[in-house]
């Protein structure tokens, strides 16, 4: 069976293993990691919302252009 390597984390350029950290420091690291995941998830959602909004704006612009074209044709007749 392979030996389990200690989990190493680098903070401000210094490497630490889990056994070098206090319980409180480990909790803080877990909070930071969780917040990083949430930030990535929020950015992903923001990207989706931005693209979705842009699609609706484009659909509205196309609809308005079509409506303008119909009005121009009707005005000519």
C-alpha atoms as a PDB file:
ATOM      1  CA  UNK A   1       0.000   0.000   0.000  1.00  0.00           C
ATOM      2  CA  UNK A   2       1.288   3.451  -0.909  1.00  0.00           C
ATOM      3  CA  UNK A   3       2.250   5.818   1.838  1.00  0.00           C
ATOM      4  CA  UNK A   4      -0.105   8.758   2.249  1.00  0.00           C
ATOM      5  CA  UNK A   5       1.721  12.006   1.582  1.00  0.00           C
ATOM      6  CA  UNK A   6       0.963  14.824   3.989  1.00  0.00           C
ATOM      7  CA  UNK A   7      -1.288  17.563   2.636  1.00  0.00           C
ATOM      8  CA  UNK A   8       0.917  20.613   2.052  1.00  0.00           C
ATOM      9  CA  UNK A   9      -0.484  24.118   1.841  1.00  0.00           C
ATOM     10  CA  UNK A  10       1.508  27.178   0.875  1.00  0.00           C
ATOM     11  CA  UNK A  11       0.720  30.407   2.700  1.00  0.00           C
ATOM     12  CA  UNK A  12       2.654  33.563   1.847  1.00  0.00           C
ATOM     13  CA  UNK A  13       5.406  31.512   0.234  1.00  0.00           C
ATOM     14  CA  UNK A  14       5.848  29.109   3.160  1.00  0.00           C
ATOM     15  CA  UNK A  15       4.820  25.438   3.004  1.00  0.00           C
ATOM     16  CA  UNK A  16       2.930  23.932   5.933  1.00  0.00           C
ATOM     17  CA  UNK A  17       1.700  20.405   6.556  1.00  0.00           C
ATOM     18  CA  UNK A  18      -1.613  19.828   8.303  1.00  0.00           C
ATOM     19  CA  UNK A  19       0.098  18.701  11.481  1.00  0.00           C
ATOM     20  CA  UNK A  20       1.872  22.073  11.721  1.00  0.00           C
ATOM     21  CA  UNK A  21      -1.422  23.949  11.853  1.00  0.00           C
ATOM     22  CA  UNK A  22      -3.734  24.506  14.791  1.00  0.00           C
ATOM     23  CA  UNK A  23      -7.364  23.426  14.678  1.00  0.00           C
ATOM     24  CA  UNK A  24      -8.375  27.059  14.250  1.00  0.00           C
ATOM     25  CA  UNK A  25      -5.959  27.514  11.336  1.00  0.00           C
ATOM     26  CA  UNK A  26      -7.370  24.397   9.639  1.00  0.00           C
ATOM     27  CA  UNK A  27     -10.894  25.761  10.074  1.00  0.00           C
ATOM     28  CA  UNK A  28      -9.842  29.086   8.562  1.00  0.00           C
ATOM     29  CA  UNK A  29      -8.278  27.269   5.588  1.00  0.00           C
ATOM     30  CA  UNK A  30     -11.523  25.331   5.092  1.00  0.00           C
ATOM     31  CA  UNK A  31     -13.510  28.581   5.143  1.00  0.00           C
ATOM     32  CA  UNK A  32     -11.173  30.105   2.560  1.00  0.00           C
ATOM     33  CA  UNK A  33     -11.453  27.050   0.314  1.00  0.00           C
ATOM     34  CA  UNK A  34     -15.259  27.073   0.617  1.00  0.00           C
ATOM     35  CA  UNK A  35     -15.403  30.782  -0.210  1.00  0.00           C
ATOM     36  CA  UNK A  36     -13.150  30.205  -3.237  1.00  0.00           C
ATOM     37  CA  UNK A  37     -15.602  27.538  -4.472  1.00  0.00           C
ATOM     38  CA  UNK A  38     -18.545  29.885  -3.916  1.00  0.00           C
ATOM     39  CA  UNK A  39     -16.796  32.718  -5.761  1.00  0.00           C
ATOM     40  CA  UNK A  40     -16.125  30.419  -8.743  1.00  0.00           C
ATOM     41  CA  UNK A  41     -19.747  29.278  -8.698  1.00  0.00           C
ATOM     42  CA  UNK A  42     -21.038  32.855  -8.485  1.00  0.00           C
ATOM     43  CA  UNK A  43     -18.760  33.895 -11.376  1.00  0.00           C
ATOM     44  CA  UNK A  44     -20.066  30.947 -13.423  1.00  0.00           C
ATOM     45  CA  UNK A  45     -23.653  32.013 -12.694  1.00  0.00           C
ATOM     46  CA  UNK A  46     -22.848  35.631 -13.520  1.00  0.00           C
ATOM     47  CA  UNK A  47     -21.380  34.538 -16.856  1.00  0.00           C
ATOM     48  CA  UNK A  48     -24.580  32.608 -17.636  1.00  0.00           C
ATOM     49  CA  UNK A  49     -26.773  35.535 -16.635  1.00  0.00           C
ATOM     50  CA  UNK A  50     -24.726  37.978 -18.703  1.00  0.00           C
ATOM     51  CA  UNK A  51     -24.881  35.799 -21.813  1.00  0.00           C
ATOM     52  CA  UNK A  52     -28.606  35.163 -21.272  1.00  0.00           C
ATOM     53  CA  UNK A  53     -29.302  38.885 -20.926  1.00  0.00           C
ATOM     54  CA  UNK A  54     -27.329  39.597 -24.076  1.00  0.00           C
ATOM     55  CA  UNK A  55     -29.390  36.987 -25.942  1.00  0.00           C
ATOM     56  CA  UNK A  56     -32.648  38.638 -24.838  1.00  0.00           C
ATOM     57  CA  UNK A  57     -31.362  42.084 -25.826  1.00  0.00           C
ATOM     58  CA  UNK A  58     -30.442  40.696 -29.254  1.00  0.00           C
ATOM     59  CA  UNK A  59     -33.874  39.056 -29.596  1.00  0.00           C
ATOM     60  CA  UNK A  60     -35.551  42.370 -28.700  1.00  0.00           C
ATOM     61  CA  UNK A  61     -33.414  44.286 -31.197  1.00  0.00           C
ATOM     62  CA  UNK A  62     -34.263  41.756 -33.919  1.00  0.00           C
ATOM     63  CA  UNK A  63     -37.961  41.978 -33.046  1.00  0.00           C
ATOM     64  CA  UNK A  64     -37.897  45.764 -33.191  1.00  0.00           C
ATOM     65  CA  UNK A  65     -36.065  45.697 -36.531  1.00  0.00           C
ATOM     66  CA  UNK A  66     -38.697  43.304 -37.915  1.00  0.00           C
ATOM     67  CA  UNK A  67     -41.515  45.494 -36.596  1.00  0.00           C
ATOM     68  CA  UNK A  68     -39.904  48.580 -38.173  1.00  0.00           C
ATOM     69  CA  UNK A  69     -39.587  46.752 -41.504  1.00  0.00           C
ATOM     70  CA  UNK A  70     -43.267  45.751 -41.414  1.00  0.00           C
ATOM     71  CA  UNK A  71     -44.319  49.320 -40.587  1.00  0.00           C
ATOM     72  CA  UNK A  72     -42.229  50.676 -43.462  1.00  0.00           C
ATOM     73  CA  UNK A  73     -43.801  48.205 -45.901  1.00  0.00           C
ATOM     74  CA  UNK A  74     -47.282  49.069 -44.681  1.00  0.00           C
ATOM     75  CA  UNK A  75     -46.549  52.799 -45.003  1.00  0.00           C
ATOM     76  CA  UNK A  76     -45.501  52.322 -48.634  1.00  0.00           C
ATOM     77  CA  UNK A  77     -48.714  50.425 -49.507  1.00  0.00           C
END
